[in-house]
Amino acid sequence: MPTPFDATTKELVRFQPEDWLALLGLPPEPCELVDTDLATVSTEADRLIQVNSTPPYLVHIEFQAGHDGHAVPVRMLRYNVLADAQTSLSVLSYVILLRPEADSPALTGAVERLRPNGSRYLAFEYGVIRLWKLPVANILRGGLATLPLALLCDLSATTAENVVSSMATRIETEARVESKRKLWASTYLLAGVRYAPQIAGKLLEKAVAEMKESMTYQKILADGREEGIAQGVALGERRFFLKMATRRLGEPDAATLAKIEQASAITIEQWGDALDQVETWAELVKA
């Protein structure tokens, strides 16, 4: 299922595909987006970049905001094989995790299958990038297309306000008018992964006017992405609630995380109100 941020991340890859090579640790080369018919399996699988090196190869990027750890490795393998079959090019696959709640022990970067005798008959590797562990400086000095990811990175050495200021400097000096609007719109929408809407709005208040004028933003709305934005807001509120609750109750187990993932915004708000009245996760999220 497409994530609430699917249209945004897809647009950023289309914007300047060569910028994503640096984020993935790949050598700079001329790039172009490839439109292959992987939509028969899922619309999420169309972020394919052809790198025109010698020889050429493909880069497949998958973005993950929700906890779907056990399904992701198999999905990465399936998309990799499909892209290979349709293009006859080597395919490098990467999953970019947008927030800690998307992580899982299953995301090892490898898929193996064994014969009954224990010998391996299949080995597939894919890259895993956990944005919250990536120093924000890496993004701030990278390409413009990856700049909207900055607020989701490791900010331990700086502040969100400083990050936005650094972004503004680059966007104002390097981007054209419509690109500025596109980048700020994407930044605002992706900020919902980590921040409640009030916080995101405060951080990006100077960019709101640009965002509302963005053709990308208007297209997202026209395509029915109001629902996606609402889901993004819910993700931000859930992230904030989980952070506060973990400070009080400790790390939740997998079953509790799954329950939080499925909870409505109203339920999250009720749990937040009850947080100072309980001592355990079980008490807080009881049915």
C-alpha atoms as a PDB file:
ATOM      1  CA  MET A   1       0.000   0.000   0.000  1.00  0.00           C
ATOM      2  CA  PRO A   2       1.385   3.442  -0.883  1.00  0.00           C
ATOM      3  CA  THR A   3       2.462   5.481   2.102  1.00  0.00           C
ATOM      4  CA  PRO A   4       0.975   8.928   2.853  1.00  0.00           C
ATOM      5  CA  PHE A   5       4.252  10.361   1.584  1.00  0.00           C
ATOM      6  CA  ASP A   6       4.402   8.309  -1.599  1.00  0.00           C
ATOM      7  CA  ALA A   7       3.569  11.183  -3.984  1.00  0.00           C
ATOM      8  CA  THR A   8       6.116  13.445  -2.308  1.00  0.00           C
ATOM      9  CA  THR A   9       9.050  11.024  -2.369  1.00  0.00           C
ATOM     10  CA  LYS A  10       8.201   9.969  -5.924  1.00  0.00           C
ATOM     11  CA  GLU A  11       8.267  13.607  -7.038  1.00  0.00           C
ATOM     12  CA  LEU A  12      11.621  14.202  -5.335  1.00  0.00           C
ATOM     13  CA  VAL A  13      13.212  11.251  -7.144  1.00  0.00           C
ATOM     14  CA  ARG A  14      11.824  12.532 -10.429  1.00  0.00           C
ATOM     15  CA  PHE A  15      13.018  16.069  -9.700  1.00  0.00           C
ATOM     16  CA  GLN A  16      16.774  15.406  -9.894  1.00  0.00           C
ATOM     17  CA  PRO A  17      17.491  11.656  -9.941  1.00  0.00           C
ATOM     18  CA  GLU A  18      21.265  12.154  -9.939  1.00  0.00           C
ATOM     19  CA  ASP A  19      21.072  13.710  -6.449  1.00  0.00           C
ATOM     20  CA  TRP A  20      20.067  10.371  -4.964  1.00  0.00           C
ATOM     21  CA  LEU A  21      23.303   8.645  -5.948  1.00  0.00           C
ATOM     22  CA  ALA A  22      25.261  10.645  -3.367  1.00  0.00           C
ATOM     23  CA  LEU A  23      22.795   9.768  -0.613  1.00  0.00           C
ATOM     24  CA  LEU A  24      23.181   6.093  -1.493  1.00  0.00           C
ATOM     25  CA  GLY A  25      26.976   6.292  -1.566  1.00  0.00           C
ATOM     26  CA  LEU A  26      27.217   5.689  -5.311  1.00  0.00           C
ATOM     27  CA  PRO A  27      29.631   7.453  -7.699  1.00  0.00           C
ATOM     28  CA  PRO A  28      28.204  10.467  -9.572  1.00  0.00           C
ATOM     29  CA  GLU A  29      27.037   9.619 -13.079  1.00  0.00           C
ATOM     30  CA  PRO A  30      24.454  10.955 -15.567  1.00  0.00           C
ATOM     31  CA  CYS A  31      21.014   9.593 -14.668  1.00  0.00           C
ATOM     32  CA  GLU A  32      17.484   9.363 -15.974  1.00  0.00           C
ATOM     33  CA  LEU A  33      14.244   8.034 -14.571  1.00  0.00           C
ATOM     34  CA  VAL A  34      12.997   4.743 -16.007  1.00  0.00           C
ATOM     35  CA  ASP A  35       9.277   4.063 -16.396  1.00  0.00           C
ATOM     36  CA  THR A  36       8.898   0.293 -16.228  1.00  0.00           C
ATOM     37  CA  ASP A  37       5.655  -1.561 -15.819  1.00  0.00           C
ATOM     38  CA  LEU A  38       6.151  -2.702 -12.233  1.00  0.00           C
ATOM     39  CA  ALA A  39       2.773  -1.166 -11.357  1.00  0.00           C
ATOM     40  CA  THR A  40       1.234  -4.569 -12.082  1.00  0.00           C
ATOM     41  CA  VAL A  41       2.684  -5.540  -8.717  1.00  0.00           C
ATOM     42  CA  SER A  42       2.625  -2.217  -6.865  1.00  0.00           C
ATOM     43  CA  THR A  43       2.721   1.493  -7.675  1.00  0.00           C
ATOM     44  CA  GLU A  44       5.453   1.798  -5.032  1.00  0.00           C
ATOM     45  CA  ALA A  45       7.994   0.133  -7.294  1.00  0.00           C
ATOM     46  CA  ASP A  46       8.380   2.821  -9.939  1.00  0.00           C
ATOM     47  CA  ARG A  47      11.326   4.724  -8.435  1.00  0.00           C
ATOM     48  CA  LEU A  48      13.836   3.300 -10.844  1.00  0.00           C
ATOM     49  CA  ILE A  49      16.825   5.385 -11.852  1.00  0.00           C
ATOM     50  CA  GLN A  50      18.994   4.381 -14.789  1.00  0.00           C
ATOM     51  CA  VAL A  51      22.612   5.263 -14.145  1.00  0.00           C
ATOM     52  CA  ASN A  52      24.321   5.799 -17.502  1.00  0.00           C
ATOM     53  CA  SER A  53      27.750   4.571 -16.510  1.00  0.00           C
ATOM     54  CA  THR A  54      29.777   1.911 -18.324  1.00  0.00           C
ATOM     55  CA  PRO A  55      28.040  -0.464 -18.089  1.00  0.00           C
ATOM     56  CA  PRO A  56      24.671   1.130 -17.190  1.00  0.00           C
ATOM     57  CA  TYR A  57      22.684  -0.127 -14.222  1.00  0.00           C
ATOM     58  CA  LEU A  58      19.466   0.600 -12.333  1.00  0.00           C
ATOM     59  CA  VAL A  59      18.855   1.925  -8.836  1.00  0.00           C
ATOM     60  CA  HIS A  60      15.565   1.026  -7.173  1.00  0.00           C
ATOM     61  CA  ILE A  61      14.548   3.145  -4.153  1.00  0.00           C
ATOM     62  CA  GLU A  62      11.799   2.192  -1.733  1.00  0.00           C
ATOM     63  CA  PHE A  63      10.644   4.547   1.031  1.00  0.00           C
ATOM     64  CA  GLN A  64       9.169   3.118   4.220  1.00  0.00           C
ATOM     65  CA  ALA A  65       7.325   5.103   6.902  1.00  0.00           C
ATOM     66  CA  GLY A  66       5.310   2.342   8.593  1.00  0.00           C
ATOM     67  CA  HIS A  67       6.306  -0.849  10.397  1.00  0.00           C
ATOM     68  CA  ASP A  68       6.192  -3.583   7.766  1.00  0.00           C
ATOM     69  CA  GLY A  69       9.564  -5.149   8.412  1.00  0.00           C
ATOM     70  CA  HIS A  70       8.933  -8.779   7.530  1.00  0.00           C
ATOM     71  CA  ALA A  71       7.249  -7.891   4.222  1.00  0.00           C
ATOM     72  CA  VAL A  72       9.866  -5.375   3.048  1.00  0.00           C
ATOM     73  CA  PRO A  73      12.775  -7.776   2.279  1.00  0.00           C
ATOM     74  CA  VAL A  74      10.593 -10.028   0.146  1.00  0.00           C
ATOM     75  CA  ARG A  75       9.105  -7.018  -1.620  1.00  0.00           C
ATOM     76  CA  MET A  76      12.594  -5.666  -2.352  1.00  0.00           C
ATOM     77  CA  LEU A  77      13.592  -9.027  -3.828  1.00  0.00           C
ATOM     78  CA  ARG A  78      10.441  -9.203  -5.953  1.00  0.00           C
ATOM     79  CA  TYR A  79      10.854  -5.709  -7.384  1.00  0.00           C
ATOM     80  CA  ASN A  80      14.540  -6.327  -8.037  1.00  0.00           C
ATOM     81  CA  VAL A  81      13.825  -9.484 -10.041  1.00  0.00           C
ATOM     82  CA  LEU A  82      11.002  -7.802 -11.981  1.00  0.00           C
ATOM     83  CA  ALA A  83      13.158  -4.802 -12.898  1.00  0.00           C
ATOM     84  CA  ASP A  84      15.989  -7.098 -13.963  1.00  0.00           C
ATOM     85  CA  ALA A  85      13.633  -9.183 -16.101  1.00  0.00           C
ATOM     86  CA  GLN A  86      12.123  -6.150 -17.832  1.00  0.00           C
ATOM     87  CA  THR A  87      15.363  -4.264 -18.499  1.00  0.00           C
ATOM     88  CA  SER A  88      18.163  -6.871 -18.491  1.00  0.00           C
ATOM     89  CA  LEU A  89      20.225  -4.452 -16.389  1.00  0.00           C
ATOM     90  CA  SER A  90      21.819  -4.949 -12.998  1.00  0.00           C
ATOM     91  CA  VAL A  91      19.597  -3.533 -10.254  1.00  0.00           C
ATOM     92  CA  LEU A  92      20.794  -2.093  -6.939  1.00  0.00           C
ATOM     93  CA  SER A  93      17.967  -1.908  -4.397  1.00  0.00           C
ATOM     94  CA  TYR A  94      17.708   0.418  -1.391  1.00  0.00           C
ATOM     95  CA  VAL A  95      15.074   0.945   1.262  1.00  0.00           C
ATOM     96  CA  ILE A  96      15.051   4.352   2.980  1.00  0.00           C
ATOM     97  CA  LEU A  97      13.412   4.231   6.412  1.00  0.00           C
ATOM     98  CA  LEU A  98      11.836   7.585   7.237  1.00  0.00           C
ATOM     99  CA  ARG A  99      11.417   7.081  10.996  1.00  0.00           C
ATOM    100  CA  PRO A 100      12.443   4.651  13.764  1.00  0.00           C
ATOM    101  CA  GLU A 101       8.977   3.081  13.877  1.00  0.00           C
ATOM    102  CA  ALA A 102       9.593   1.752  10.363  1.00  0.00           C
ATOM    103  CA  ASP A 103      12.613  -0.234  11.524  1.00  0.00           C
ATOM    104  CA  SER A 104      12.653  -3.957  12.206  1.00  0.00           C
ATOM    105  CA  PRO A 105      15.220  -6.660  13.044  1.00  0.00           C
ATOM    106  CA  ALA A 106      14.122  -8.266   9.776  1.00  0.00           C
ATOM    107  CA  LEU A 107      15.684  -5.392   7.803  1.00  0.00           C
ATOM    108  CA  THR A 108      19.182  -6.860   7.687  1.00  0.00           C
ATOM    109  CA  GLY A 109      19.896  -5.931   4.085  1.00  0.00           C
ATOM    110  CA  ALA A 110      19.869  -9.568   2.973  1.00  0.00           C
ATOM    111  CA  VAL A 111      17.443 -12.267   1.905  1.00  0.00           C
ATOM    112  CA  GLU A 112      18.552 -15.893   1.938  1.00  0.00           C
ATOM    113  CA  ARG A 113      16.800 -19.102   0.985  1.00  0.00           C
ATOM    114  CA  LEU A 114      18.123 -22.531   1.936  1.00  0.00           C
ATOM    115  CA  ARG A 115      17.696 -26.024   0.561  1.00  0.00           C
ATOM    116  CA  PRO A 116      16.428 -28.752   2.908  1.00  0.00           C
ATOM    117  CA  ASN A 117      20.035 -29.812   3.510  1.00  0.00           C
ATOM    118  CA  GLY A 118      20.891 -26.310   4.758  1.00  0.00           C
ATOM    119  CA  SER A 119      22.888 -25.143   1.739  1.00  0.00           C
ATOM    120  CA  ARG A 120      22.049 -21.738   0.313  1.00  0.00           C
ATOM    121  CA  TYR A 121      20.448 -21.518  -3.120  1.00  0.00           C
ATOM    122  CA  LEU A 122      19.537 -17.795  -3.112  1.00  0.00           C
ATOM    123  CA  ALA A 123      21.304 -14.729  -1.725  1.00  0.00           C
ATOM    124  CA  PHE A 124      19.992 -11.199  -2.331  1.00  0.00           C
ATOM    125  CA  GLU A 125      21.380  -7.994  -0.845  1.00  0.00           C
ATOM    126  CA  TYR A 126      19.779  -4.563  -0.561  1.00  0.00           C
ATOM    127  CA  GLY A 127      20.847  -1.337   1.125  1.00  0.00           C
ATOM    128  CA  VAL A 128      19.105   0.003   4.236  1.00  0.00           C
ATOM    129  CA  ILE A 129      19.306   3.703   5.109  1.00  0.00           C
ATOM    130  CA  ARG A 130      17.931   4.732   8.496  1.00  0.00           C
ATOM    131  CA  LEU A 131      17.478   8.480   8.149  1.00  0.00           C
ATOM    132  CA  TRP A 132      17.382   9.222  11.887  1.00  0.00           C
ATOM    133  CA  LYS A 133      20.911   7.790  12.141  1.00  0.00           C
ATOM    134  CA  LEU A 134      22.243   9.765   9.190  1.00  0.00           C
ATOM    135  CA  PRO A 135      24.105  12.967  10.168  1.00  0.00           C
ATOM    136  CA  VAL A 136      22.077  15.872   8.856  1.00  0.00           C
ATOM    137  CA  ALA A 137      25.275  17.458   7.496  1.00  0.00           C
ATOM    138  CA  ASN A 138      25.347  14.706   4.851  1.00  0.00           C
ATOM    139  CA  ILE A 139      21.990  15.872   3.534  1.00  0.00           C
ATOM    140  CA  LEU A 140      22.680  19.594   3.856  1.00  0.00           C
ATOM    141  CA  ARG A 141      25.724  19.309   1.600  1.00  0.00           C
ATOM    142  CA  GLY A 142      24.040  16.888  -0.813  1.00  0.00           C
ATOM    143  CA  GLY A 143      21.763  17.470  -3.792  1.00  0.00           C
ATOM    144  CA  LEU A 144      18.678  19.692  -3.733  1.00  0.00           C
ATOM    145  CA  ALA A 145      16.324  16.763  -4.371  1.00  0.00           C
ATOM    146  CA  THR A 146      17.314  15.067  -1.105  1.00  0.00           C
ATOM    147  CA  LEU A 147      17.275  18.282   0.951  1.00  0.00           C
ATOM    148  CA  PRO A 148      13.629  17.835   2.144  1.00  0.00           C
ATOM    149  CA  LEU A 149      14.774  14.755   4.091  1.00  0.00           C
ATOM    150  CA  ALA A 150      16.972  16.890   6.357  1.00  0.00           C
ATOM    151  CA  LEU A 151      14.523  17.253   9.258  1.00  0.00           C
ATOM    152  CA  LEU A 152      14.236  13.457   9.475  1.00  0.00           C
ATOM    153  CA  CYS A 153      17.974  12.949  10.009  1.00  0.00           C
ATOM    154  CA  ASP A 154      20.122  12.891  13.158  1.00  0.00           C
ATOM    155  CA  LEU A 155      19.913  16.420  14.577  1.00  0.00           C
ATOM    156  CA  SER A 156      21.878  15.699  17.758  1.00  0.00           C
ATOM    157  CA  ALA A 157      24.683  18.063  16.715  1.00  0.00           C
ATOM    158  CA  THR A 158      22.377  20.947  15.795  1.00  0.00           C
ATOM    159  CA  THR A 159      18.768  22.132  16.035  1.00  0.00           C
ATOM    160  CA  ALA A 160      15.808  21.890  13.717  1.00  0.00           C
ATOM    161  CA  GLU A 161      15.781  25.684  13.439  1.00  0.00           C
ATOM    162  CA  ASN A 162      19.414  25.710  12.285  1.00  0.00           C
ATOM    163  CA  VAL A 163      18.665  22.990   9.762  1.00  0.00           C
ATOM    164  CA  VAL A 164      15.786  24.972   8.272  1.00  0.00           C
ATOM    165  CA  SER A 165      18.016  28.051   8.094  1.00  0.00           C
ATOM    166  CA  SER A 166      20.715  26.102   6.232  1.00  0.00           C
ATOM    167  CA  MET A 167      18.102  24.682   3.879  1.00  0.00           C
ATOM    168  CA  ALA A 168      16.736  28.168   3.190  1.00  0.00           C
ATOM    169  CA  THR A 169      20.183  29.436   2.241  1.00  0.00           C
ATOM    170  CA  ARG A 170      20.689  26.693  -0.303  1.00  0.00           C
ATOM    171  CA  ILE A 171      17.157  26.737  -1.707  1.00  0.00           C
ATOM    172  CA  GLU A 172      17.154  30.517  -2.123  1.00  0.00           C
ATOM    173  CA  THR A 173      20.524  30.598  -3.882  1.00  0.00           C
ATOM    174  CA  GLU A 174      20.403  27.393  -5.937  1.00  0.00           C
ATOM    175  CA  ALA A 175      16.775  26.647  -6.865  1.00  0.00           C
ATOM    176  CA  ARG A 176      14.496  28.221  -9.446  1.00  0.00           C
ATOM    177  CA  VAL A 177      11.140  29.670  -8.379  1.00  0.00           C
ATOM    178  CA  GLU A 178       8.976  26.586  -8.960  1.00  0.00           C
ATOM    179  CA  SER A 179      11.709  24.322  -7.618  1.00  0.00           C
ATOM    180  CA  LYS A 180      11.778  26.402  -4.417  1.00  0.00           C
ATOM    181  CA  ARG A 181       8.061  25.852  -3.967  1.00  0.00           C
ATOM    182  CA  LYS A 182       8.388  22.151  -4.696  1.00  0.00           C
ATOM    183  CA  LEU A 183      11.215  21.702  -2.191  1.00  0.00           C
ATOM    184  CA  TRP A 184       9.454  23.580   0.605  1.00  0.00           C
ATOM    185  CA  ALA A 185       6.202  21.715  -0.059  1.00  0.00           C
ATOM    186  CA  SER A 186       8.019  18.393   0.145  1.00  0.00           C
ATOM    187  CA  THR A 187       9.846  19.469   3.313  1.00  0.00           C
ATOM    188  CA  TYR A 188       6.580  20.433   5.000  1.00  0.00           C
ATOM    189  CA  LEU A 189       4.805  17.221   4.034  1.00  0.00           C
ATOM    190  CA  LEU A 190       7.711  15.015   5.123  1.00  0.00           C
ATOM    191  CA  ALA A 191       8.072  16.901   8.405  1.00  0.00           C
ATOM    192  CA  GLY A 192       4.826  15.202   9.437  1.00  0.00           C
ATOM    193  CA  VAL A 193       6.823  11.994   9.873  1.00  0.00           C
ATOM    194  CA  ARG A 194       8.577  13.457  12.903  1.00  0.00           C
ATOM    195  CA  TYR A 195       6.720  16.546  14.105  1.00  0.00           C
ATOM    196  CA  ALA A 196       3.206  17.432  15.145  1.00  0.00           C
ATOM    197  CA  PRO A 197       1.593  19.887  12.676  1.00  0.00           C
ATOM    198  CA  GLN A 198       1.924  22.859  15.030  1.00  0.00           C
ATOM    199  CA  ILE A 199       5.666  22.279  15.383  1.00  0.00           C
ATOM    200  CA  ALA A 200       6.171  21.714  11.654  1.00  0.00           C
ATOM    201  CA  GLY A 201       4.190  24.858  10.893  1.00  0.00           C
ATOM    202  CA  LYS A 202       6.280  26.909  13.293  1.00  0.00           C
ATOM    203  CA  LEU A 203       9.565  25.581  11.913  1.00  0.00           C
ATOM    204  CA  LEU A 204       8.539  26.234   8.339  1.00  0.00           C
ATOM    205  CA  GLU A 205       6.332  29.296   8.713  1.00  0.00           C
ATOM    206  CA  LYS A 206       8.474  31.343   6.313  1.00  0.00           C
ATOM    207  CA  ALA A 207       8.056  28.637   3.682  1.00  0.00           C
ATOM    208  CA  VAL A 208       4.278  28.223   3.963  1.00  0.00           C
ATOM    209  CA  ALA A 209       3.506  30.881   1.352  1.00  0.00           C
ATOM    210  CA  GLU A 210       5.939  29.280  -1.095  1.00  0.00           C
ATOM    211  CA  MET A 211       4.478  25.872  -0.344  1.00  0.00           C
ATOM    212  CA  LYS A 212       0.906  26.919  -1.075  1.00  0.00           C
ATOM    213  CA  GLU A 213       1.949  28.315  -4.449  1.00  0.00           C
ATOM    214  CA  SER A 214       3.738  25.107  -5.410  1.00  0.00           C
ATOM    215  CA  MET A 215       2.376  23.295  -8.452  1.00  0.00           C
ATOM    216  CA  THR A 216       3.550  20.067  -6.808  1.00  0.00           C
ATOM    217  CA  TYR A 217       1.580  20.838  -3.673  1.00  0.00           C
ATOM    218  CA  GLN A 218      -1.513  21.706  -5.681  1.00  0.00           C
ATOM    219  CA  LYS A 219      -1.179  18.494  -7.679  1.00  0.00           C
ATOM    220  CA  ILE A 220      -0.924  16.476  -4.487  1.00  0.00           C
ATOM    221  CA  LEU A 221      -4.130  18.080  -3.254  1.00  0.00           C
ATOM    222  CA  ALA A 222      -5.837  17.598  -6.618  1.00  0.00           C
ATOM    223  CA  ASP A 223      -4.935  13.924  -6.552  1.00  0.00           C
ATOM    224  CA  GLY A 224      -6.763  13.506  -3.280  1.00  0.00           C
ATOM    225  CA  ARG A 225      -3.721  13.807  -1.050  1.00  0.00           C
ATOM    226  CA  GLU A 226      -5.621  15.748   1.616  1.00  0.00           C
ATOM    227  CA  GLU A 227      -6.161  12.329   3.140  1.00  0.00           C
ATOM    228  CA  GLY A 228      -2.454  11.623   2.839  1.00  0.00           C
ATOM    229  CA  ILE A 229      -1.583  14.862   4.603  1.00  0.00           C
ATOM    230  CA  ALA A 230      -4.024  13.996   7.390  1.00  0.00           C
ATOM    231  CA  GLN A 231      -2.342  10.613   7.702  1.00  0.00           C
ATOM    232  CA  GLY A 232       1.008  12.359   7.800  1.00  0.00           C
ATOM    233  CA  VAL A 233      -0.212  14.554  10.636  1.00  0.00           C
ATOM    234  CA  ALA A 234      -1.375  11.442  12.474  1.00  0.00           C
ATOM    235  CA  LEU A 235       2.059   9.887  12.027  1.00  0.00           C
ATOM    236  CA  GLY A 236       3.663  12.984  13.502  1.00  0.00           C
ATOM    237  CA  GLU A 237       1.343  12.944  16.503  1.00  0.00           C
ATOM    238  CA  ARG A 238       1.922   9.213  16.980  1.00  0.00           C
ATOM    239  CA  ARG A 239       5.694   9.783  16.843  1.00  0.00           C
ATOM    240  CA  PHE A 240       5.467  12.521  19.495  1.00  0.00           C
ATOM    241  CA  PHE A 241       3.217  10.382  21.715  1.00  0.00           C
ATOM    242  CA  LEU A 242       5.560   7.396  21.444  1.00  0.00           C
ATOM    243  CA  LYS A 243       8.545   9.533  22.406  1.00  0.00           C
ATOM    244  CA  MET A 244       6.806  10.939  25.493  1.00  0.00           C
ATOM    245  CA  ALA A 245       5.344   7.584  26.545  1.00  0.00           C
ATOM    246  CA  THR A 246       8.673   5.788  26.150  1.00  0.00           C
ATOM    247  CA  ARG A 247      10.330   8.277  28.485  1.00  0.00           C
ATOM    248  CA  ARG A 248       7.790   7.382  31.154  1.00  0.00           C
ATOM    249  CA  LEU A 249       7.124   3.681  30.540  1.00  0.00           C
ATOM    250  CA  GLY A 250      10.239   2.418  28.770  1.00  0.00           C
ATOM    251  CA  GLU A 251      10.469   0.770  25.354  1.00  0.00           C
ATOM    252  CA  PRO A 252       7.201  -0.880  24.202  1.00  0.00           C
ATOM    253  CA  ASP A 253       7.196  -4.462  22.974  1.00  0.00           C
ATOM    254  CA  ALA A 254       6.310  -5.463  19.412  1.00  0.00           C
ATOM    255  CA  ALA A 255       2.644  -6.141  20.204  1.00  0.00           C
ATOM    256  CA  THR A 256       2.248  -2.704  21.786  1.00  0.00           C
ATOM    257  CA  LEU A 257       3.974  -1.018  18.856  1.00  0.00           C
ATOM    258  CA  ALA A 258       1.587  -2.746  16.475  1.00  0.00           C
ATOM    259  CA  LYS A 259      -1.391  -1.522  18.519  1.00  0.00           C
ATOM    260  CA  ILE A 260      -0.049   2.043  18.490  1.00  0.00           C
ATOM    261  CA  GLU A 261       0.501   1.822  14.738  1.00  0.00           C
ATOM    262  CA  GLN A 262      -3.173   0.976  14.194  1.00  0.00           C
ATOM    263  CA  ALA A 263      -4.597   3.456  16.701  1.00  0.00           C
ATOM    264  CA  SER A 264      -6.701   6.398  15.537  1.00  0.00           C
ATOM    265  CA  ALA A 265      -5.761  10.010  16.249  1.00  0.00           C
ATOM    266  CA  ILE A 266      -8.530  10.162  18.867  1.00  0.00           C
ATOM    267  CA  THR A 267      -7.178   7.079  20.655  1.00  0.00           C
ATOM    268  CA  ILE A 268      -3.635   8.497  20.609  1.00  0.00           C
ATOM    269  CA  GLU A 269      -4.962  11.693  22.174  1.00  0.00           C
ATOM    270  CA  GLN A 270      -6.814   9.705  24.874  1.00  0.00           C
ATOM    271  CA  TRP A 271      -3.688   7.700  25.672  1.00  0.00           C
ATOM    272  CA  GLY A 272      -1.695  10.914  25.892  1.00  0.00           C
ATOM    273  CA  ASP A 273      -4.172  12.337  28.404  1.00  0.00           C
ATOM    274  CA  ALA A 274      -3.943   9.156  30.502  1.00  0.00           C
ATOM    275  CA  LEU A 275      -0.163   8.845  30.378  1.00  0.00           C
ATOM    276  CA  ASP A 276       0.506  10.293  33.832  1.00  0.00           C
ATOM    277  CA  GLN A 277      -2.097   7.991  35.406  1.00  0.00           C
ATOM    278  CA  VAL A 278      -0.544   4.614  34.484  1.00  0.00           C
ATOM    279  CA  GLU A 279       2.678   2.726  35.256  1.00  0.00           C
ATOM    280  CA  THR A 280       2.867   0.234  32.378  1.00  0.00           C
ATOM    281  CA  TRP A 281       2.192   0.047  28.669  1.00  0.00           C
ATOM    282  CA  ALA A 282      -0.378  -2.703  29.318  1.00  0.00           C
ATOM    283  CA  GLU A 283      -2.431  -0.349  31.477  1.00  0.00           C
ATOM    284  CA  LEU A 284      -2.224   2.425  28.918  1.00  0.00           C
ATOM    285  CA  VAL A 285      -3.233   0.564  25.748  1.00  0.00           C
ATOM    286  CA  LYS A 286      -5.581  -2.005  27.236  1.00  0.00           C
ATOM    287  CA  ALA A 287      -8.546  -2.798  25.009  1.00  0.00           C
END
